[in-house]
């Protein structure tokens, strides 16, 4: 395991500068986006939409999960020993 881990590290080392620059660029853009959300009309619309649709989504996902459970329960007599 250690030999394999060392091989992975050695493979990544020559690329660490590029990876680091990319991560800094991505996290910088994320920080800019995150700090610009407060008071944003688009963000406010999304939050209102999420508040309205969240319970419907949760109910739908719960119903789907319940349906899968009921189907699995109904099919359980058909399964062989595990």
PDB file of N, CA and C in Angstrom:
ATOM      1  N   UNK A   1       0.835  -1.198   0.000  1.00  0.00           N
ATOM      2  CA  UNK A   1       0.000   0.000   0.000  1.00  0.00           C
ATOM      3  C   UNK A   1       0.870   1.250   0.000  1.00  0.00           C
ATOM      4  N   UNK A   2       1.900   1.248   0.850  1.00  0.00           N
ATOM      5  CA  UNK A   2       2.746   2.444   0.949  1.00  0.00           C
ATOM      6  C   UNK A   2       3.495   2.717  -0.353  1.00  0.00           C
ATOM      7  N   UNK A   3       3.921   1.637  -1.021  1.00  0.00           N
ATOM      8  CA  UNK A   3       4.624   1.809  -2.288  1.00  0.00           C
ATOM      9  C   UNK A   3       3.681   2.431  -3.327  1.00  0.00           C
ATOM     10  N   UNK A   4       2.448   1.974  -3.349  1.00  0.00           N
ATOM     11  CA  UNK A   4       1.454   2.539  -4.262  1.00  0.00           C
ATOM     12  C   UNK A   4       1.150   3.988  -3.947  1.00  0.00           C
ATOM     13  N   UNK A   5       1.020   4.314  -2.650  1.00  0.00           N
ATOM     14  CA  UNK A   5       0.764   5.703  -2.244  1.00  0.00           C
ATOM     15  C   UNK A   5       1.935   6.595  -2.635  1.00  0.00           C
ATOM     16  N   UNK A   6       3.141   6.090  -2.448  1.00  0.00           N
ATOM     17  CA  UNK A   6       4.325   6.862  -2.821  1.00  0.00           C
ATOM     18  C   UNK A   6       4.351   7.106  -4.326  1.00  0.00           C
ATOM     19  N   UNK A   7       3.940   6.121  -5.100  1.00  0.00           N
ATOM     20  CA  UNK A   7       3.877   6.283  -6.550  1.00  0.00           C
ATOM     21  C   UNK A   7       2.877   7.353  -6.965  1.00  0.00           C
ATOM     22  N   UNK A   8       1.731   7.387  -6.293  1.00  0.00           N
ATOM     23  CA  UNK A   8       0.725   8.413  -6.587  1.00  0.00           C
ATOM     24  C   UNK A   8       1.280   9.794  -6.266  1.00  0.00           C
ATOM     25  N   UNK A   9       1.929   9.916  -5.121  1.00  0.00           N
ATOM     26  CA  UNK A   9       2.508  11.209  -4.723  1.00  0.00           C
ATOM     27  C   UNK A   9       3.569  11.643  -5.721  1.00  0.00           C
ATOM     28  N   UNK A  10       4.426  10.723  -6.130  1.00  0.00           N
ATOM     29  CA  UNK A  10       5.470  11.058  -7.099  1.00  0.00           C
ATOM     30  C   UNK A  10       4.872  11.487  -8.438  1.00  0.00           C
ATOM     31  N   UNK A  11       3.765  10.880  -8.817  1.00  0.00           N
ATOM     32  CA  UNK A  11       3.126  11.242 -10.085  1.00  0.00           C
ATOM     33  C   UNK A  11       2.540  12.652 -10.025  1.00  0.00           C
ATOM     34  N   UNK A  12       2.036  13.052  -8.859  1.00  0.00           N
ATOM     35  CA  UNK A  12       1.407  14.366  -8.722  1.00  0.00           C
ATOM     36  C   UNK A  12       2.408  15.493  -8.479  1.00  0.00           C
ATOM     37  N   UNK A  13       3.537  15.195  -7.880  1.00  0.00           N
ATOM     38  CA  UNK A  13       4.489  16.249  -7.502  1.00  0.00           C
ATOM     39  C   UNK A  13       4.871  17.194  -8.640  1.00  0.00           C
ATOM     40  N   UNK A  14       5.169  16.707  -9.845  1.00  0.00           N
ATOM     41  CA  UNK A  14       5.547  17.645 -10.909  1.00  0.00           C
ATOM     42  C   UNK A  14       4.408  18.589 -11.318  1.00  0.00           C
ATOM     43  N   UNK A  15       3.201  18.257 -10.958  1.00  0.00           N
ATOM     44  CA  UNK A  15       2.038  19.043 -11.375  1.00  0.00           C
ATOM     45  C   UNK A  15       1.470  19.912 -10.254  1.00  0.00           C
ATOM     46  N   UNK A  16       2.109  19.914  -9.104  1.00  0.00           N
ATOM     47  CA  UNK A  16       1.551  20.616  -7.945  1.00  0.00           C
ATOM     48  C   UNK A  16       1.436  22.124  -8.161  1.00  0.00           C
ATOM     49  N   UNK A  17       2.362  22.737  -8.876  1.00  0.00           N
ATOM     50  CA  UNK A  17       2.260  24.178  -9.127  1.00  0.00           C
ATOM     51  C   UNK A  17       1.004  24.498  -9.929  1.00  0.00           C
ATOM     52  N   UNK A  18       0.754  23.733 -10.980  1.00  0.00           N
ATOM     53  CA  UNK A  18      -0.451  23.952 -11.787  1.00  0.00           C
ATOM     54  C   UNK A  18      -1.716  23.688 -10.977  1.00  0.00           C
ATOM     55  N   UNK A  19      -1.705  22.614 -10.208  1.00  0.00           N
ATOM     56  CA  UNK A  19      -2.864  22.286  -9.375  1.00  0.00           C
ATOM     57  C   UNK A  19      -3.112  23.392  -8.365  1.00  0.00           C
ATOM     58  N   UNK A  20      -2.057  23.879  -7.741  1.00  0.00           N
ATOM     59  CA  UNK A  20      -2.179  24.947  -6.747  1.00  0.00           C
ATOM     60  C   UNK A  20      -2.736  26.222  -7.372  1.00  0.00           C
ATOM     61  N   UNK A  21      -2.233  26.602  -8.541  1.00  0.00           N
ATOM     62  CA  UNK A  21      -2.736  27.808  -9.221  1.00  0.00           C
ATOM     63  C   UNK A  21      -4.217  27.660  -9.575  1.00  0.00           C
ATOM     64  N   UNK A  22      -4.576  26.488 -10.064  1.00  0.00           N
ATOM     65  CA  UNK A  22      -5.974  26.243 -10.418  1.00  0.00           C
ATOM     66  C   UNK A  22      -6.861  26.327  -9.186  1.00  0.00           C
ATOM     67  N   UNK A  23      -6.428  25.723  -8.090  1.00  0.00           N
ATOM     68  CA  UNK A  23      -7.220  25.765  -6.853  1.00  0.00           C
ATOM     69  C   UNK A  23      -7.359  27.197  -6.339  1.00  0.00           C
ATOM     70  N   UNK A  24      -6.301  27.976  -6.416  1.00  0.00           N
ATOM     71  CA  UNK A  24      -6.374  29.370  -5.978  1.00  0.00           C
ATOM     72  C   UNK A  24      -7.346  30.157  -6.849  1.00  0.00           C
ATOM     73  N   UNK A  25      -7.321  29.915  -8.150  1.00  0.00           N
ATOM     74  CA  UNK A  25      -8.236  30.609  -9.054  1.00  0.00           C
ATOM     75  C   UNK A  25      -9.687  30.223  -8.755  1.00  0.00           C
ATOM     76  N   UNK A  26      -9.936  28.936  -8.579  1.00  0.00           N
ATOM     77  CA  UNK A  26     -11.293  28.455  -8.313  1.00  0.00           C
ATOM     78  C   UNK A  26     -11.797  28.981  -6.976  1.00  0.00           C
ATOM     79  N   UNK A  27     -10.984  28.878  -5.935  1.00  0.00           N
ATOM     80  CA  UNK A  27     -11.437  29.334  -4.622  1.00  0.00           C
ATOM     81  C   UNK A  27     -11.591  30.845  -4.592  1.00  0.00           C
ATOM     82  N   UNK A  28     -10.777  31.565  -5.356  1.00  0.00           N
ATOM     83  CA  UNK A  28     -10.934  33.017  -5.439  1.00  0.00           C
ATOM     84  C   UNK A  28     -12.243  33.393  -6.100  1.00  0.00           C
ATOM     85  N   UNK A  29     -12.589  32.696  -7.181  1.00  0.00           N
ATOM     86  CA  UNK A  29     -13.869  32.964  -7.848  1.00  0.00           C
ATOM     87  C   UNK A  29     -15.036  32.605  -6.938  1.00  0.00           C
ATOM     88  N   UNK A  30     -14.902  31.508  -6.189  1.00  0.00           N
ATOM     89  CA  UNK A  30     -15.959  31.120  -5.255  1.00  0.00           C
ATOM     90  C   UNK A  30     -16.130  32.177  -4.168  1.00  0.00           C
ATOM     91  N   UNK A  31     -15.027  32.700  -3.659  1.00  0.00           N
ATOM     92  CA  UNK A  31     -15.096  33.750  -2.635  1.00  0.00           C
ATOM     93  C   UNK A  31     -15.774  34.995  -3.189  1.00  0.00           C
ATOM     94  N   UNK A  32     -15.432  35.382  -4.405  1.00  0.00           N
ATOM     95  CA  UNK A  32     -16.078  36.538  -5.030  1.00  0.00           C
ATOM     96  C   UNK A  32     -17.578  36.310  -5.182  1.00  0.00           C
ATOM     97  N   UNK A  33     -17.951  35.125  -5.637  1.00  0.00           N
ATOM     98  CA  UNK A  33     -19.360  34.796  -5.816  1.00  0.00           C
ATOM     99  C   UNK A  33     -20.092  34.809  -4.475  1.00  0.00           C
ATOM    100  N   UNK A  34     -19.499  34.158  -3.474  1.00  0.00           N
ATOM    101  CA  UNK A  34     -20.136  34.057  -2.163  1.00  0.00           C
ATOM    102  C   UNK A  34     -20.321  35.398  -1.485  1.00  0.00           C
ATOM    103  N   UNK A  35     -19.336  36.275  -1.598  1.00  0.00           N
ATOM    104  CA  UNK A  35     -19.458  37.579  -0.942  1.00  0.00           C
ATOM    105  C   UNK A  35     -20.398  38.507  -1.699  1.00  0.00           C
ATOM    106  N   UNK A  36     -20.706  38.195  -2.950  1.00  0.00           N
ATOM    107  CA  UNK A  36     -21.624  39.027  -3.719  1.00  0.00           C
ATOM    108  C   UNK A  36     -23.075  38.596  -3.619  1.00  0.00           C
ATOM    109  N   UNK A  37     -23.367  37.545  -2.861  1.00  0.00           N
ATOM    110  CA  UNK A  37     -24.737  37.040  -2.775  1.00  0.00           C
ATOM    111  C   UNK A  37     -25.654  37.907  -1.924  1.00  0.00           C
ATOM    112  N   UNK A  38     -25.124  38.474  -0.857  1.00  0.00           N
ATOM    113  CA  UNK A  38     -25.969  39.215   0.077  1.00  0.00           C
ATOM    114  C   UNK A  38     -26.672  40.363  -0.644  1.00  0.00           C
ATOM    115  N   UNK A  39     -27.990  40.367  -0.551  1.00  0.00           N
ATOM    116  CA  UNK A  39     -28.782  41.414  -1.173  1.00  0.00           C
ATOM    117  C   UNK A  39     -29.004  41.227  -2.664  1.00  0.00           C
ATOM    118  N   UNK A  40     -28.475  40.157  -3.230  1.00  0.00           N
ATOM    119  CA  UNK A  40     -28.634  39.903  -4.662  1.00  0.00           C
ATOM    120  C   UNK A  40     -30.080  39.512  -4.959  1.00  0.00           C
ATOM    121  N   UNK A  41     -30.731  40.170  -5.926  1.00  0.00           N
ATOM    122  CA  UNK A  41     -32.109  39.803  -6.269  1.00  0.00           C
ATOM    123  C   UNK A  41     -32.220  38.352  -6.735  1.00  0.00           C
ATOM    124  N   UNK A  42     -31.219  37.878  -7.467  1.00  0.00           N
ATOM    125  CA  UNK A  42     -31.242  36.491  -7.925  1.00  0.00           C
ATOM    126  C   UNK A  42     -31.203  35.520  -6.753  1.00  0.00           C
ATOM    127  N   UNK A  43     -30.369  35.827  -5.769  1.00  0.00           N
ATOM    128  CA  UNK A  43     -30.274  34.970  -4.582  1.00  0.00           C
ATOM    129  C   UNK A  43     -31.584  34.992  -3.805  1.00  0.00           C
ATOM    130  N   UNK A  44     -32.173  36.166  -3.656  1.00  0.00           N
ATOM    131  CA  UNK A  44     -33.448  36.287  -2.941  1.00  0.00           C
ATOM    132  C   UNK A  44     -34.541  35.491  -3.653  1.00  0.00           C
ATOM    133  N   UNK A  45     -34.566  35.553  -4.984  1.00  0.00           N
ATOM    134  CA  UNK A  45     -35.556  34.780  -5.747  1.00  0.00           C
ATOM    135  C   UNK A  45     -35.335  33.284  -5.553  1.00  0.00           C
ATOM    136  N   UNK A  46     -34.069  32.873  -5.563  1.00  0.00           N
ATOM    137  CA  UNK A  46     -33.773  31.455  -5.362  1.00  0.00           C
ATOM    138  C   UNK A  46     -34.210  30.992  -3.980  1.00  0.00           C
ATOM    139  N   UNK A  47     -33.922  31.785  -2.958  1.00  0.00           N
ATOM    140  CA  UNK A  47     -34.308  31.401  -1.599  1.00  0.00           C
ATOM    141  C   UNK A  47     -35.823  31.316  -1.457  1.00  0.00           C
ATOM    142  N   UNK A  48     -36.540  32.244  -2.081  1.00  0.00           N
ATOM    143  CA  UNK A  48     -38.002  32.197  -2.038  1.00  0.00           C
ATOM    144  C   UNK A  48     -38.511  30.943  -2.755  1.00  0.00           C
ATOM    145  N   UNK A  49     -37.908  30.636  -3.892  1.00  0.00           N
ATOM    146  CA  UNK A  49     -38.292  29.443  -4.647  1.00  0.00           C
ATOM    147  C   UNK A  49     -37.999  28.177  -3.838  1.00  0.00           C
ATOM    148  N   UNK A  50     -36.829  28.128  -3.214  1.00  0.00           N
ATOM    149  CA  UNK A  50     -36.452  26.960  -2.414  1.00  0.00           C
ATOM    150  C   UNK A  50     -37.394  26.787  -1.231  1.00  0.00           C
ATOM    151  N   UNK A  51     -37.789  27.895  -0.610  1.00  0.00           N
ATOM    152  CA  UNK A  51     -38.715  27.811   0.522  1.00  0.00           C
ATOM    153  C   UNK A  51     -40.078  27.295   0.066  1.00  0.00           C
ATOM    154  N   UNK A  52     -40.486  27.696  -1.125  1.00  0.00           N
ATOM    155  CA  UNK A  52     -41.788  27.274  -1.650  1.00  0.00           C
ATOM    156  C   UNK A  52     -41.758  25.819  -2.107  1.00  0.00           C
ATOM    157  N   UNK A  53     -40.697  25.438  -2.822  1.00  0.00           N
ATOM    158  CA  UNK A  53     -40.642  24.116  -3.443  1.00  0.00           C
ATOM    159  C   UNK A  53     -39.982  23.047  -2.579  1.00  0.00           C
ATOM    160  N   UNK A  54     -39.214  23.444  -1.575  1.00  0.00           N
ATOM    161  CA  UNK A  54     -38.512  22.478  -0.733  1.00  0.00           C
ATOM    162  C   UNK A  54     -39.418  21.428  -0.121  1.00  0.00           C
ATOM    163  N   UNK A  55     -40.523  21.834   0.517  1.00  0.00           N
ATOM    164  CA  UNK A  55     -41.414  20.821   1.095  1.00  0.00           C
ATOM    165  C   UNK A  55     -42.002  19.876   0.043  1.00  0.00           C
ATOM    166  N   UNK A  56     -42.310  20.406  -1.139  1.00  0.00           N
ATOM    167  CA  UNK A  56     -42.840  19.544  -2.206  1.00  0.00           C
ATOM    168  C   UNK A  56     -41.786  18.540  -2.655  1.00  0.00           C
ATOM    169  N   UNK A  57     -40.552  19.002  -2.793  1.00  0.00           N
ATOM    170  CA  UNK A  57     -39.464  18.115  -3.195  1.00  0.00           C
ATOM    171  C   UNK A  57     -39.233  17.042  -2.133  1.00  0.00           C
ATOM    172  N   UNK A  58     -39.221  17.444  -0.873  1.00  0.00           N
ATOM    173  CA  UNK A  58     -39.011  16.482   0.212  1.00  0.00           C
ATOM    174  C   UNK A  58     -40.123  15.439   0.229  1.00  0.00           C
ATOM    175  N   UNK A  59     -41.353  15.873   0.029  1.00  0.00           N
ATOM    176  CA  UNK A  59     -42.483  14.949   0.006  1.00  0.00           C
ATOM    177  C   UNK A  59     -42.369  13.979  -1.167  1.00  0.00           C
ATOM    178  N   UNK A  60     -42.021  14.497  -2.327  1.00  0.00           N
ATOM    179  CA  UNK A  60     -41.880  13.652  -3.515  1.00  0.00           C
ATOM    180  C   UNK A  60     -40.773  12.623  -3.326  1.00  0.00           C
ATOM    181  N   UNK A  61     -39.622  13.060  -2.825  1.00  0.00           N
ATOM    182  CA  UNK A  61     -38.519  12.121  -2.591  1.00  0.00           C
ATOM    183  C   UNK A  61     -38.903  11.074  -1.551  1.00  0.00           C
ATOM    184  N   UNK A  62     -39.635  11.491  -0.523  1.00  0.00           N
ATOM    185  CA  UNK A  62     -40.104  10.542   0.478  1.00  0.00           C
ATOM    186  C   UNK A  62     -41.050   9.515  -0.119  1.00  0.00           C
ATOM    187  N   UNK A  63     -41.955   9.975  -0.996  1.00  0.00           N
ATOM    188  CA  UNK A  63     -42.884   9.058  -1.659  1.00  0.00           C
ATOM    189  C   UNK A  63     -42.146   8.070  -2.558  1.00  0.00           C
ATOM    190  N   UNK A  64     -41.143   8.551  -3.276  1.00  0.00           N
ATOM    191  CA  UNK A  64     -40.353   7.666  -4.143  1.00  0.00           C
ATOM    192  C   UNK A  64     -39.608   6.631  -3.303  1.00  0.00           C
ATOM    193  N   UNK A  65     -39.005   7.079  -2.212  1.00  0.00           N
ATOM    194  CA  UNK A  65     -38.310   6.149  -1.325  1.00  0.00           C
ATOM    195  C   UNK A  65     -39.254   5.111  -0.744  1.00  0.00           C
ATOM    196  N   UNK A  66     -40.438   5.551  -0.344  1.00  0.00           N
ATOM    197  CA  UNK A  66     -41.438   4.632   0.197  1.00  0.00           C
ATOM    198  C   UNK A  66     -41.870   3.620  -0.862  1.00  0.00           C
ATOM    199  N   UNK A  67     -42.040   4.080  -2.096  1.00  0.00           N
ATOM    200  CA  UNK A  67     -42.431   3.173  -3.177  1.00  0.00           C
ATOM    201  C   UNK A  67     -41.354   2.115  -3.412  1.00  0.00           C
ATOM    202  N   UNK A  68     -40.085   2.529  -3.440  1.00  0.00           N
ATOM    203  CA  UNK A  68     -38.999   1.560  -3.602  1.00  0.00           C
ATOM    204  C   UNK A  68     -39.004   0.547  -2.461  1.00  0.00           C
ATOM    205  N   UNK A  69     -39.225   1.028  -1.256  1.00  0.00           N
ATOM    206  CA  UNK A  69     -39.260   0.131  -0.100  1.00  0.00           C
ATOM    207  C   UNK A  69     -40.400  -0.873  -0.242  1.00  0.00           C
ATOM    208  N   UNK A  70     -41.576  -0.397  -0.639  1.00  0.00           N
ATOM    209  CA  UNK A  70     -42.730  -1.285  -0.772  1.00  0.00           C
ATOM    210  C   UNK A  70     -42.502  -2.333  -1.865  1.00  0.00           C
ATOM    211  N   UNK A  71     -41.896  -1.930  -2.973  1.00  0.00           N
ATOM    212  CA  UNK A  71     -41.597  -2.885  -4.050  1.00  0.00           C
ATOM    213  C   UNK A  71     -40.587  -3.923  -3.557  1.00  0.00           C
ATOM    214  N   UNK A  72     -39.547  -3.478  -2.882  1.00  0.00           N
ATOM    215  CA  UNK A  72     -38.546  -4.412  -2.358  1.00  0.00           C
ATOM    216  C   UNK A  72     -39.174  -5.367  -1.354  1.00  0.00           C
ATOM    217  N   UNK A  73     -40.041  -4.845  -0.519  1.00  0.00           N
ATOM    218  CA  UNK A  73     -40.723  -5.673   0.482  1.00  0.00           C
ATOM    219  C   UNK A  73     -41.617  -6.704  -0.211  1.00  0.00           C
ATOM    220  N   UNK A  74     -42.331  -6.280  -1.256  1.00  0.00           N
ATOM    221  CA  UNK A  74     -43.213  -7.197  -1.978  1.00  0.00           C
ATOM    222  C   UNK A  74     -42.421  -8.274  -2.714  1.00  0.00           C
ATOM    223  N   UNK A  75     -41.231  -7.937  -3.187  1.00  0.00           N
ATOM    224  CA  UNK A  75     -40.418  -8.899  -3.936  1.00  0.00           C
ATOM    225  C   UNK A  75     -39.564  -9.794  -3.047  1.00  0.00           C
ATOM    226  N   UNK A  76     -39.474  -9.494  -1.770  1.00  0.00           N
ATOM    227  CA  UNK A  76     -38.583 -10.254  -0.888  1.00  0.00           C
ATOM    228  C   UNK A  76     -38.885 -11.746  -0.848  1.00  0.00           C
ATOM    229  N   UNK A  77     -40.151 -12.190  -0.933  1.00  0.00           N
ATOM    230  CA  UNK A  77     -40.375 -13.644  -0.939  1.00  0.00           C
ATOM    231  C   UNK A  77     -39.793 -14.340  -2.174  1.00  0.00           C
ATOM    232  N   UNK A  78     -39.549 -13.596  -3.235  1.00  0.00           N
ATOM    233  CA  UNK A  78     -39.021 -14.197  -4.460  1.00  0.00           C
ATOM    234  C   UNK A  78     -37.513 -14.392  -4.425  1.00  0.00           C
ATOM    235  N   UNK A  79     -36.853 -13.745  -3.488  1.00  0.00           N
ATOM    236  CA  UNK A  79     -35.397 -13.858  -3.435  1.00  0.00           C
ATOM    237  C   UNK A  79     -35.000 -15.144  -2.735  1.00  0.00           C
ATOM    238  N   UNK A  80     -33.877 -15.665  -3.159  1.00  0.00           N
ATOM    239  CA  UNK A  80     -33.370 -16.884  -2.545  1.00  0.00           C
ATOM    240  C   UNK A  80     -32.590 -16.559  -1.289  1.00  0.00           C
ATOM    241  N   UNK A  81     -32.066 -17.578  -0.641  1.00  0.00           N
ATOM    242  CA  UNK A  81     -31.255 -17.333   0.557  1.00  0.00           C
ATOM    243  C   UNK A  81     -29.987 -16.563   0.200  1.00  0.00           C
ATOM    244  N   UNK A  82     -29.592 -15.724   1.102  1.00  0.00           N
ATOM    245  CA  UNK A  82     -28.409 -14.899   0.875  1.00  0.00           C
ATOM    246  C   UNK A  82     -27.213 -15.529   1.537  1.00  0.00           C
TER     247      UNK A  82
END
